[in-house]
Amino acid sequence: MSAFDVRDLLKVAGAPGAASAGYEAAPAAPPAETTYPARAAVSTVVLTGTVRLVEFALVVAVGAVVFSLQPDRIGPFGLRYPVAILGTACLVVGLFQASATYRIAAFRGFFRTLPRLVGAWCLAFLLVAAIFVFAKVSDLYSRVWLAGFFAGGLGSILIARFVLSRLVGAQMRAGRFDRRTAIVGGGPLAETLIRSLEGQADIGIRVVGFFDDRADDRASSVIAGYPKLGTVSDLVAYARSTRLDLVVFTLPIAAEERLMQMLTKLWVLPIDIRLSAQSTRLKLRPRAYSYLGEVPVLDVFDKPIADWDVVVKGIFDRVVGTLMLIALAPLMLAIALAVRLTSPGPILFRQKRHGFNNEIIEVLKFRSMYVEQCDYTAAKQVTRGDPRVTPVGRIIRKTSLDELPQLFNVLKGELSLVGPRPHALSARAANVLYDQVVDGYFARHKVKPGITGWAQVRGWRGETDTDEKIQRRVEHDLYYIENWSVFFDIRIMLATPISLVRTRNAY
């Protein structure tokens, strides 16, 4: 959980002197040489978890294969062999974990890790043999099978780890495991932090530079060999144009007002934000800190939907999205024919909207307006009885059937089934741009937008002709981001058909 309440940030954002522009148009992008490929970093949490699962399955498979090769000599498979195989696999994975072989450095350094792998494997089988003896069941298991299991499993694990070391090494050289990190604040505190991070080669931190709000005559342009890339406002633009995974503040905790004003600009970004505790006089219990290697930090904000959550949500979107596309194909075909036959022009309407981290995406809809009156920027909202809308368009807009082609956006990875709705670039509330109405508006872009969302099923769908409507919509979007779970997504999807019937302000 965040150490800071979002509502506190919004209070600071509205206070005199607070940089509320952090929510408006982003500052100019940084120089081209600071940009970096947009490919996301490989999650070490997902990688290590996947390796555990694969090795567990590999050990189970070897035990079963060794048995199947000599069934006549070993005897019936029964129940005892599966129990022994699964128990051995659990023991092996547990000992590998205890011997620190599930770390990126261990994956990369095969020969350095080799003694620990072999030692843990041998210990696992010694324990298995001891259990057989003390439980007086050794006569029930074939020694040939146990010896084959030991040799075959060890060989398989070592071959798999050797291949893994080559793959991980290649990805590390490409920077895929690096957490690209920006430092906020300058002076000796920043230099001490950077030196500490540089001294730990295996923690996967890659410092890109530092940002400081102080004028150039008060702040150095280079610290520990890293350049000053601008102010905190420039950091927002930097994170929009290049991959950034982590921001670490070196400001003292005593500088509360200055720190909060900076956080009001940065909390809208989908990145982890930490406060360095390396040089602070305030000493907390070790468990109060998280660590970047050996550097203690305080958690301020965490990137929402990270690590395994990303994998789970991605699988959910693609599997359920594919099933929905198949099930709804006849309906979509009927709508396409109705659109084509009742008004001239293309069947689909393409509109640019804000996606994850303010990325511009092009979403698909069934065309609901006359071609010559289509509003590609949503500069003018659709109102009751709007003459621009076709007769078929009124029906499909009221029921949100015009949104069904966005299932293709889901399969492309641009949208999620559930999330904050993607708004058009010029969307307005009472003739004012959304981001100028709501402080922290862009925080709703910390996750992928969705076809349906919490705000929509709670009645905040359709026309936003007042400030309150967009404010309430954003509040619901932020609640969804902070409380996401697969079950929450399922709940929203099940509630969506009912909400479509009850909504009265969608035209």
Protein backbone atom coordinates (compact mmCIF):
# COMPACT_ATOMS: atom_id res chain seq x y z
CA MET A 1 0.00 0.00 0.00
CA SER A 2 1.07 3.55 -0.64
CA ALA A 3 2.56 5.50 2.23
CA PHE A 4 0.75 8.60 0.99
CA ASP A 5 -2.97 9.11 0.47
CA VAL A 6 -3.98 10.30 -2.99
CA ARG A 7 -6.40 12.76 -1.41
CA ASP A 8 -3.50 14.45 0.38
CA LEU A 9 -1.78 14.92 -2.96
CA LEU A 10 -4.88 16.45 -4.49
CA LYS A 11 -5.09 18.91 -1.59
CA VAL A 12 -1.49 19.93 -2.20
CA ALA A 13 -2.16 20.15 -5.93
CA GLY A 14 -4.85 22.71 -5.30
CA ALA A 15 -2.75 24.70 -2.85
CA PRO A 16 -1.00 27.93 -3.86
CA GLY A 17 2.32 27.26 -5.47
CA ALA A 18 1.54 23.66 -6.31
CA ALA A 19 2.42 22.67 -9.82
CA SER A 20 -1.01 21.67 -11.07
CA ALA A 21 0.26 21.77 -14.62
CA GLY A 22 1.48 18.27 -14.03
CA TYR A 23 -2.02 17.17 -14.97
CA GLU A 24 -2.33 19.28 -18.09
CA ALA A 25 -0.50 19.17 -21.38
CA ALA A 26 2.78 17.35 -20.93
CA PRO A 27 5.98 19.40 -21.29
CA ALA A 28 8.14 19.04 -24.34
CA ALA A 29 9.71 15.62 -24.81
CA PRO A 30 13.37 15.15 -23.83
CA PRO A 31 16.14 15.12 -26.41
CA ALA A 32 16.17 12.13 -28.75
CA GLU A 33 19.31 10.63 -27.24
CA THR A 34 17.50 10.08 -23.92
CA THR A 35 14.74 7.98 -25.43
CA TYR A 36 14.68 4.23 -25.02
CA PRO A 37 12.73 1.43 -26.70
CA ALA A 38 9.23 1.14 -25.30
CA ARG A 39 9.48 -2.61 -24.68
CA ALA A 40 8.57 -3.32 -21.09
CA ALA A 41 11.13 -4.72 -18.70
CA VAL A 42 10.95 -8.44 -18.00
CA SER A 43 9.48 -8.92 -14.53
CA THR A 44 11.95 -10.77 -12.33
CA VAL A 45 9.03 -11.86 -10.13
CA VAL A 46 7.30 -13.51 -13.09
CA LEU A 47 10.56 -15.01 -14.37
CA THR A 48 11.55 -16.60 -11.06
CA GLY A 49 8.02 -17.87 -10.52
CA THR A 50 7.95 -19.37 -14.00
CA VAL A 51 11.31 -21.08 -13.46
CA ARG A 52 10.02 -22.62 -10.22
CA LEU A 53 6.94 -23.97 -11.98
CA VAL A 54 8.93 -25.30 -14.94
CA GLU A 55 11.48 -27.03 -12.72
CA PHE A 56 8.76 -28.53 -10.55
CA ALA A 57 7.06 -29.89 -13.69
CA LEU A 58 10.41 -31.10 -15.05
CA VAL A 59 11.20 -33.09 -11.90
CA VAL A 60 7.70 -34.63 -11.91
CA ALA A 61 8.05 -35.52 -15.61
CA VAL A 62 11.47 -37.15 -15.13
CA GLY A 63 10.21 -39.26 -12.22
CA ALA A 64 7.24 -40.48 -14.28
CA VAL A 65 9.34 -41.13 -17.41
CA VAL A 66 11.97 -43.12 -15.50
CA PHE A 67 9.20 -45.29 -14.06
CA SER A 68 7.58 -45.82 -17.47
CA LEU A 69 10.85 -47.02 -19.01
CA GLN A 70 11.09 -50.02 -16.67
CA PRO A 71 7.55 -50.94 -15.55
CA ASP A 72 8.19 -54.69 -15.48
CA ARG A 73 11.13 -54.39 -13.12
CA ILE A 74 9.66 -51.70 -10.89
CA GLY A 75 6.11 -52.91 -10.36
CA PRO A 76 2.71 -51.18 -10.46
CA PHE A 77 2.59 -47.37 -10.47
CA GLY A 78 -0.15 -47.29 -7.86
CA LEU A 79 -0.43 -44.29 -5.55
CA ARG A 80 2.90 -44.45 -3.76
CA TYR A 81 5.04 -43.44 -6.73
CA PRO A 82 3.04 -40.27 -7.57
CA VAL A 83 3.25 -39.27 -3.91
CA ALA A 84 7.02 -39.83 -3.88
CA ILE A 85 7.50 -37.95 -7.16
CA LEU A 86 5.43 -34.93 -6.08
CA GLY A 87 7.08 -34.87 -2.66
CA THR A 88 10.54 -35.00 -4.22
CA ALA A 89 9.64 -32.16 -6.62
CA CYS A 90 8.43 -29.99 -3.73
CA LEU A 91 11.58 -30.77 -1.75
CA VAL A 92 13.86 -29.93 -4.68
CA VAL A 93 12.18 -26.59 -5.38
CA GLY A 94 12.24 -25.72 -1.67
CA LEU A 95 15.96 -26.49 -1.36
CA PHE A 96 16.74 -24.59 -4.55
CA GLN A 97 14.91 -21.62 -3.03
CA ALA A 98 16.79 -21.95 0.26
CA SER A 99 20.12 -22.10 -1.56
CA ALA A 100 19.37 -18.81 -3.39
CA THR A 101 19.31 -20.32 -6.88
CA TYR A 102 16.08 -18.53 -7.85
CA ARG A 103 17.68 -15.16 -8.44
CA ILE A 104 18.59 -13.39 -11.66
CA ALA A 105 22.30 -13.54 -10.81
CA ALA A 106 21.99 -17.31 -10.26
CA PHE A 107 20.14 -17.76 -13.55
CA ARG A 108 22.85 -15.90 -15.42
CA GLY A 109 25.91 -17.42 -13.74
CA PHE A 110 25.49 -21.12 -14.47
CA PHE A 111 28.97 -22.25 -13.37
CA ARG A 112 28.87 -20.12 -10.20
CA THR A 113 25.50 -21.64 -9.32
CA LEU A 114 26.42 -25.21 -10.29
CA PRO A 115 27.76 -26.31 -6.85
CA ARG A 116 24.61 -25.07 -5.10
CA LEU A 117 22.33 -26.78 -7.63
CA VAL A 118 24.13 -30.10 -7.31
CA GLY A 119 24.35 -29.80 -3.52
CA ALA A 120 20.63 -29.02 -3.15
CA TRP A 121 19.69 -31.87 -5.51
CA CYS A 122 21.83 -34.39 -3.65
CA LEU A 123 20.46 -33.22 -0.30
CA ALA A 124 16.90 -33.60 -1.57
CA PHE A 125 17.47 -37.22 -2.55
CA LEU A 126 19.32 -37.98 0.67
CA LEU A 127 16.31 -36.70 2.57
CA VAL A 128 13.97 -38.75 0.38
CA ALA A 129 16.05 -41.88 1.02
CA ALA A 130 16.11 -41.13 4.75
CA ILE A 131 12.34 -40.70 4.81
CA PHE A 132 11.91 -44.05 3.04
CA VAL A 133 14.12 -45.75 5.62
CA PHE A 134 12.66 -44.17 8.76
CA ALA A 135 9.11 -44.64 7.50
CA LYS A 136 9.96 -48.28 6.77
CA VAL A 137 8.69 -48.06 3.21
CA SER A 138 12.00 -48.41 1.37
CA ASP A 139 11.05 -51.93 0.23
CA LEU A 140 8.03 -50.51 -1.56
CA TYR A 141 10.16 -48.43 -3.94
CA SER A 142 12.56 -49.61 -6.60
CA ARG A 143 16.20 -48.65 -6.11
CA VAL A 144 16.60 -48.73 -9.88
CA TRP A 145 13.84 -46.14 -10.19
CA LEU A 146 15.31 -43.94 -7.46
CA ALA A 147 18.79 -44.06 -9.00
CA GLY A 148 17.41 -43.31 -12.47
CA PHE A 149 15.29 -40.49 -11.05
CA PHE A 150 18.36 -39.01 -9.34
CA ALA A 151 20.61 -39.14 -12.42
CA GLY A 152 17.98 -38.24 -15.01
CA GLY A 153 16.56 -35.40 -12.96
CA LEU A 154 19.94 -33.88 -12.19
CA GLY A 155 20.97 -34.02 -15.84
CA SER A 156 17.69 -32.47 -16.97
CA ILE A 157 17.90 -29.66 -14.41
CA LEU A 158 21.49 -28.82 -15.34
CA ILE A 159 20.74 -28.78 -19.07
CA ALA A 160 17.70 -26.56 -18.48
CA ARG A 161 19.70 -24.19 -16.27
CA PHE A 162 22.49 -23.97 -18.85
CA VAL A 163 19.98 -22.98 -21.55
CA LEU A 164 18.33 -20.54 -19.13
CA SER A 165 21.69 -18.91 -18.38
CA ARG A 166 22.23 -18.22 -22.07
CA LEU A 167 18.74 -16.78 -22.52
CA VAL A 168 18.93 -14.61 -19.41
CA GLY A 169 22.42 -13.43 -20.31
CA ALA A 170 21.23 -12.32 -23.74
CA GLN A 171 18.24 -10.51 -22.25
CA MET A 172 20.40 -8.80 -19.63
CA ARG A 173 22.78 -7.54 -22.31
CA ALA A 174 19.74 -6.13 -24.10
CA GLY A 175 18.67 -4.35 -20.90
CA ARG A 176 15.39 -6.24 -20.56
CA PHE A 177 15.86 -6.89 -16.83
CA ASP A 178 17.08 -3.41 -15.97
CA ARG A 179 14.76 -1.25 -13.94
CA ARG A 180 15.38 2.11 -15.57
CA THR A 181 15.58 4.49 -12.65
CA ALA A 182 15.44 8.27 -12.35
CA ILE A 183 16.75 10.09 -9.29
CA VAL A 184 14.87 13.15 -8.04
CA GLY A 185 17.03 15.62 -6.15
CA GLY A 186 20.69 16.53 -6.44
CA GLY A 187 23.69 17.22 -4.26
CA PRO A 188 25.58 14.83 -1.98
CA LEU A 189 22.50 12.74 -1.14
CA ALA A 190 21.93 11.89 -4.81
CA GLU A 191 25.60 11.13 -5.35
CA THR A 192 25.71 8.80 -2.33
CA LEU A 193 22.62 6.96 -3.54
CA ILE A 194 23.93 6.56 -7.09
CA ARG A 195 27.30 5.26 -5.86
CA SER A 196 25.53 2.73 -3.64
CA LEU A 197 23.36 1.49 -6.49
CA GLU A 198 26.31 1.29 -8.87
CA GLY A 199 28.24 -0.79 -6.35
CA GLN A 200 25.66 -3.58 -6.57
CA ALA A 201 25.90 -4.94 -10.07
CA ASP A 202 23.31 -7.68 -9.71
CA ILE A 203 20.30 -5.69 -8.47
CA GLY A 204 19.19 -4.70 -11.99
CA ILE A 205 19.05 -0.94 -11.43
CA ARG A 206 20.07 1.27 -14.34
CA VAL A 207 20.20 4.96 -13.47
CA VAL A 208 19.26 7.13 -16.45
CA GLY A 209 19.95 10.52 -14.85
CA PHE A 210 18.57 12.88 -12.26
CA PHE A 211 15.92 15.59 -12.13
CA ASP A 212 16.07 18.65 -9.90
CA ASP A 213 13.67 21.58 -9.57
CA ARG A 214 16.38 23.92 -8.38
CA ALA A 215 17.77 26.47 -10.81
CA ASP A 216 20.89 25.56 -12.75
CA ASP A 217 23.00 27.97 -10.70
CA ARG A 218 22.09 26.01 -7.53
CA ALA A 219 22.25 22.47 -8.88
CA SER A 220 25.03 20.56 -10.61
CA SER A 221 24.53 19.54 -14.22
CA VAL A 222 26.29 16.21 -13.64
CA ILE A 223 26.30 13.99 -10.53
CA ALA A 224 28.38 10.82 -10.32
CA GLY A 225 28.68 10.89 -14.10
CA TYR A 226 24.93 11.14 -14.74
CA PRO A 227 23.39 14.24 -16.36
CA LYS A 228 20.64 16.44 -15.09
CA LEU A 229 17.71 15.75 -17.42
CA GLY A 230 15.48 18.58 -16.27
CA THR A 231 12.91 19.40 -13.61
CA VAL A 232 10.24 17.18 -12.11
CA SER A 233 7.80 18.46 -14.73
CA ASP A 234 10.27 17.33 -17.39
CA LEU A 235 10.31 13.94 -15.69
CA VAL A 236 6.62 13.53 -16.50
CA ALA A 237 7.37 14.12 -20.19
CA TYR A 238 10.37 11.79 -20.02
CA ALA A 239 8.28 8.96 -18.57
CA ARG A 240 5.68 9.47 -21.32
CA SER A 241 8.22 9.23 -24.14
CA THR A 242 10.58 6.52 -22.91
CA ARG A 243 10.54 3.51 -20.64
CA LEU A 244 10.94 4.36 -16.97
CA ASP A 245 10.32 1.84 -14.21
CA LEU A 246 11.34 3.52 -10.96
CA VAL A 247 11.76 6.98 -9.44
CA VAL A 248 13.77 7.42 -6.23
CA PHE A 249 13.59 10.65 -4.23
CA THR A 250 16.68 11.71 -2.32
CA LEU A 251 14.96 14.62 -0.60
CA PRO A 252 14.94 14.49 3.22
CA ILE A 253 11.63 13.58 4.82
CA ALA A 254 11.69 16.95 6.58
CA ALA A 255 11.11 18.66 3.21
CA GLU A 256 7.49 17.54 3.36
CA GLU A 257 5.84 20.38 1.44
CA ARG A 258 8.37 20.28 -1.40
CA LEU A 259 8.14 16.49 -1.55
CA MET A 260 4.34 16.49 -1.69
CA GLN A 261 4.30 19.10 -4.45
CA MET A 262 6.59 16.92 -6.54
CA LEU A 263 4.48 13.84 -5.87
CA THR A 264 1.37 15.63 -7.12
CA LYS A 265 3.06 15.69 -10.53
CA LEU A 266 4.40 12.15 -10.54
CA TRP A 267 1.69 9.98 -8.98
CA VAL A 268 -0.20 9.96 -12.31
CA LEU A 269 2.59 7.87 -13.86
CA PRO A 270 2.46 4.03 -13.99
CA ILE A 271 5.79 3.59 -12.20
CA ASP A 272 7.12 2.71 -8.76
CA ILE A 273 8.06 5.71 -6.61
CA ARG A 274 10.38 5.32 -3.63
CA LEU A 275 11.90 7.63 -1.03
CA SER A 276 15.52 6.90 -0.19
CA ALA A 277 16.04 6.27 3.52
CA GLN A 278 19.78 5.83 3.21
CA SER A 279 20.82 9.12 4.78
CA THR A 280 17.79 10.03 6.87
CA ARG A 281 18.10 10.48 10.62
CA LEU A 282 14.76 8.76 11.12
CA LYS A 283 15.46 5.10 11.83
CA LEU A 284 12.62 2.60 11.54
CA ARG A 285 12.46 -1.12 12.04
CA PRO A 286 14.09 -3.05 9.15
CA ARG A 287 10.71 -4.46 8.14
CA ALA A 288 9.40 -0.93 7.56
CA TYR A 289 11.71 -0.60 4.56
CA SER A 290 11.89 -2.23 1.19
CA TYR A 291 15.31 -2.52 -0.40
CA LEU A 292 17.04 -1.82 -3.68
CA GLY A 293 19.83 -4.28 -3.13
CA GLU A 294 21.12 -3.06 0.22
CA VAL A 295 19.75 0.48 -0.06
CA PRO A 296 16.72 1.01 2.24
CA VAL A 297 13.79 2.89 0.72
CA LEU A 298 10.26 3.80 1.77
CA ASP A 299 7.47 2.82 -0.62
CA VAL A 300 5.46 5.82 -1.78
CA PHE A 301 3.55 4.48 -4.80
CA ASP A 302 3.56 1.12 -6.54
CA LYS A 303 2.83 0.59 -10.18
CA PRO A 304 -0.72 -0.81 -10.30
CA ILE A 305 -1.31 -4.21 -11.88
CA ALA A 306 2.30 -5.39 -12.02
CA ASP A 307 4.18 -8.70 -12.21
CA TRP A 308 1.82 -11.69 -12.06
CA ASP A 309 -1.22 -9.41 -12.12
CA VAL A 310 -0.22 -8.29 -15.63
CA VAL A 311 0.05 -11.91 -16.75
CA VAL A 312 -3.28 -12.91 -15.21
CA LYS A 313 -5.15 -9.91 -16.60
CA GLY A 314 -3.57 -10.37 -20.04
CA ILE A 315 -4.59 -14.02 -20.20
CA PHE A 316 -8.09 -13.18 -18.96
CA ASP A 317 -8.49 -10.45 -21.60
CA ARG A 318 -7.35 -12.59 -24.50
CA VAL A 319 -9.15 -15.79 -23.56
CA VAL A 320 -12.46 -14.16 -22.62
CA GLY A 321 -12.12 -11.62 -25.45
CA THR A 322 -11.69 -14.40 -28.00
CA LEU A 323 -14.68 -16.30 -26.64
CA MET A 324 -16.81 -13.15 -26.71
CA LEU A 325 -15.74 -12.39 -30.28
CA ILE A 326 -16.78 -15.87 -31.39
CA ALA A 327 -20.09 -15.76 -29.50
CA LEU A 328 -20.98 -12.25 -30.67
CA ALA A 329 -19.86 -12.69 -34.29
CA PRO A 330 -23.45 -13.16 -35.63
CA LEU A 331 -24.64 -10.04 -33.80
CA MET A 332 -21.66 -8.03 -35.01
CA LEU A 333 -22.33 -9.17 -38.58
CA ALA A 334 -25.96 -8.09 -38.30
CA ILE A 335 -24.96 -4.65 -36.95
CA ALA A 336 -22.39 -4.25 -39.72
CA LEU A 337 -25.06 -4.98 -42.37
CA ALA A 338 -27.49 -2.56 -40.72
CA VAL A 339 -24.92 0.23 -40.65
CA ARG A 340 -23.89 -0.39 -44.25
CA LEU A 341 -27.42 -0.64 -45.66
CA THR A 342 -29.01 2.32 -43.83
CA SER A 343 -26.41 5.05 -44.48
CA PRO A 344 -23.58 5.46 -46.97
CA GLY A 345 -20.02 5.21 -45.73
CA PRO A 346 -17.67 2.80 -43.94
CA ILE A 347 -18.95 0.33 -41.38
CA LEU A 348 -16.26 1.07 -38.82
CA PHE A 349 -15.36 4.38 -37.22
CA ARG A 350 -11.76 4.86 -36.07
CA GLN A 351 -10.97 7.40 -33.38
CA LYS A 352 -7.72 8.32 -31.65
CA ARG A 353 -7.89 8.15 -27.88
CA HIS A 354 -5.61 8.15 -24.85
CA GLY A 355 -4.41 4.68 -23.86
CA PHE A 356 -2.00 3.34 -21.25
CA ASN A 357 0.44 6.01 -20.01
CA ASN A 358 -1.16 8.58 -22.35
CA GLU A 359 -0.16 6.57 -25.42
CA ILE A 360 -2.28 7.49 -28.43
CA ILE A 361 -4.25 4.49 -29.71
CA GLU A 362 -6.87 4.10 -32.41
CA VAL A 363 -10.05 2.42 -31.21
CA LEU A 364 -12.70 0.83 -33.40
CA LYS A 365 -16.44 1.38 -33.25
CA PHE A 366 -19.38 0.72 -35.48
CA ARG A 367 -20.12 4.01 -37.23
CA SER A 368 -23.15 5.65 -35.62
CA MET A 369 -23.08 9.07 -37.34
CA TYR A 370 -23.52 10.27 -40.87
CA VAL A 371 -20.11 10.26 -42.57
CA GLU A 372 -20.00 13.98 -43.32
CA GLN A 373 -20.81 14.78 -39.67
CA CYS A 374 -18.47 12.33 -37.91
CA ASP A 375 -16.57 13.97 -35.04
CA TYR A 376 -13.12 12.35 -34.93
CA THR A 377 -11.87 14.42 -31.98
CA ALA A 378 -15.12 14.42 -29.92
CA ALA A 379 -14.92 18.19 -29.73
CA LYS A 380 -18.73 18.28 -29.47
CA GLN A 381 -20.51 15.75 -27.31
CA VAL A 382 -23.48 13.80 -28.58
CA THR A 383 -26.71 15.05 -26.99
CA ARG A 384 -30.31 13.81 -26.91
CA GLY A 385 -31.81 13.95 -30.40
CA ASP A 386 -28.46 14.84 -31.99
CA PRO A 387 -29.09 15.12 -35.77
CA ARG A 388 -25.61 13.78 -36.52
CA VAL A 389 -26.58 10.30 -35.28
CA THR A 390 -28.17 7.83 -37.70
CA PRO A 391 -31.32 5.86 -36.76
CA VAL A 392 -29.26 2.68 -36.37
CA GLY A 393 -26.64 4.71 -34.52
CA ARG A 394 -29.15 5.73 -31.85
CA ILE A 395 -29.85 2.10 -31.04
CA ILE A 396 -26.28 0.86 -30.97
CA ARG A 397 -25.05 3.89 -29.02
CA LYS A 398 -27.78 3.55 -26.40
CA THR A 399 -26.92 -0.11 -25.88
CA SER A 400 -23.15 0.34 -26.39
CA LEU A 401 -23.23 -2.23 -29.20
CA ASP A 402 -21.18 0.24 -31.23
CA GLU A 403 -18.25 -0.61 -28.91
CA LEU A 404 -18.11 -4.32 -29.85
CA PRO A 405 -15.35 -3.92 -32.49
CA GLN A 406 -13.08 -2.87 -29.64
CA LEU A 407 -12.72 -6.58 -28.90
CA PHE A 408 -10.15 -6.47 -31.71
CA ASN A 409 -8.31 -3.73 -29.77
CA VAL A 410 -8.32 -6.08 -26.76
CA LEU A 411 -6.77 -8.92 -28.76
CA LYS A 412 -4.12 -6.48 -30.06
CA GLY A 413 -3.24 -5.59 -26.47
CA GLU A 414 -4.27 -1.93 -26.76
CA LEU A 415 -7.35 -2.25 -24.54
CA SER A 416 -8.47 -4.43 -21.69
CA LEU A 417 -11.96 -5.86 -21.29
CA VAL A 418 -12.33 -3.89 -18.05
CA GLY A 419 -10.68 -0.61 -17.18
CA PRO A 420 -11.18 3.15 -17.33
CA ARG A 421 -12.90 4.03 -20.61
CA PRO A 422 -10.52 5.60 -23.17
CA HIS A 423 -11.57 9.17 -23.80
CA ALA A 424 -11.18 11.01 -27.08
CA LEU A 425 -8.33 13.52 -27.24
CA SER A 426 -10.58 16.59 -27.15
CA ALA A 427 -13.27 15.24 -24.84
CA ARG A 428 -14.84 17.98 -22.74
CA ALA A 429 -17.10 18.53 -19.76
CA ALA A 430 -19.15 21.70 -19.96
CA ASN A 431 -16.87 22.80 -22.84
CA VAL A 432 -13.70 22.38 -20.76
CA LEU A 433 -11.08 19.67 -21.42
CA TYR A 434 -11.33 16.83 -18.93
CA ASP A 435 -7.79 17.24 -17.60
CA GLN A 436 -8.53 20.88 -16.82
CA VAL A 437 -11.62 19.93 -14.84
CA VAL A 438 -10.21 17.14 -12.68
CA ASP A 439 -6.91 17.30 -10.81
CA GLY A 440 -5.06 14.06 -11.36
CA TYR A 441 -7.12 13.16 -14.43
CA PHE A 442 -4.21 11.41 -16.15
CA ALA A 443 -3.83 9.01 -13.21
CA ARG A 444 -6.62 6.98 -14.82
CA HIS A 445 -4.09 6.14 -17.56
CA LYS A 446 -1.87 4.15 -15.19
CA VAL A 447 -3.56 1.00 -16.50
CA LYS A 448 -4.87 -0.04 -19.89
CA PRO A 449 -8.28 1.43 -20.70
CA GLY A 450 -11.19 -0.95 -21.03
CA ILE A 451 -14.35 -1.58 -23.03
CA THR A 452 -16.36 -1.36 -19.81
CA GLY A 453 -15.45 -0.12 -16.36
CA TRP A 454 -16.49 0.51 -12.76
CA ALA A 455 -17.67 4.04 -13.55
CA GLN A 456 -19.89 2.78 -16.37
CA VAL A 457 -21.66 0.08 -14.32
CA ARG A 458 -22.19 2.58 -11.48
CA GLY A 459 -24.14 4.89 -13.78
CA TRP A 460 -21.44 7.37 -14.82
CA ARG A 461 -21.69 6.60 -18.51
CA GLY A 462 -22.66 8.76 -21.45
CA GLU A 463 -22.81 12.54 -21.72
CA THR A 464 -20.60 14.58 -19.36
CA ASP A 465 -22.29 17.96 -19.56
CA THR A 466 -21.27 18.98 -16.02
CA ASP A 467 -18.01 19.01 -14.07
CA GLU A 468 -19.48 16.67 -11.47
CA LYS A 469 -20.09 13.89 -13.99
CA ILE A 470 -16.48 13.67 -15.14
CA GLN A 471 -15.22 14.09 -11.57
CA ARG A 472 -17.33 11.17 -10.37
CA ARG A 473 -16.24 9.09 -13.37
CA VAL A 474 -12.57 9.69 -12.57
CA GLU A 475 -13.16 8.90 -8.88
CA HIS A 476 -14.61 5.53 -9.86
CA ASP A 477 -11.75 4.88 -12.28
CA LEU A 478 -9.17 5.53 -9.57
CA TYR A 479 -11.07 3.28 -7.16
CA TYR A 480 -10.93 0.50 -9.74
CA ILE A 481 -7.18 0.96 -10.26
CA GLU A 482 -6.45 0.84 -6.53
CA ASN A 483 -8.69 -2.19 -5.89
CA TRP A 484 -8.23 -4.29 -9.02
CA SER A 485 -8.61 -8.06 -8.95
CA VAL A 486 -9.77 -10.66 -11.45
CA PHE A 487 -12.95 -11.10 -9.41
CA PHE A 488 -13.56 -7.34 -9.58
CA ASP A 489 -13.25 -7.56 -13.39
CA ILE A 490 -15.71 -10.46 -13.49
CA ARG A 491 -18.13 -8.55 -11.26
CA ILE A 492 -18.00 -5.52 -13.59
CA MET A 493 -18.48 -7.64 -16.71
CA LEU A 494 -21.50 -9.38 -15.21
CA ALA A 495 -22.98 -6.03 -14.18
CA THR A 496 -22.41 -4.39 -17.57
CA PRO A 497 -25.54 -5.72 -19.39
CA ILE A 498 -27.77 -4.57 -16.52
CA SER A 499 -26.13 -1.13 -16.43
CA LEU A 500 -26.72 -0.68 -20.17
CA VAL A 501 -30.45 -1.10 -19.64
CA ARG A 502 -30.57 1.33 -16.70
CA THR A 503 -28.42 4.12 -18.21
CA ARG A 504 -30.46 7.13 -19.29
CA ASN A 505 -27.80 9.69 -20.31
CA ALA A 506 -26.21 7.78 -23.22
CA TYR A 507 -27.27 8.97 -26.64
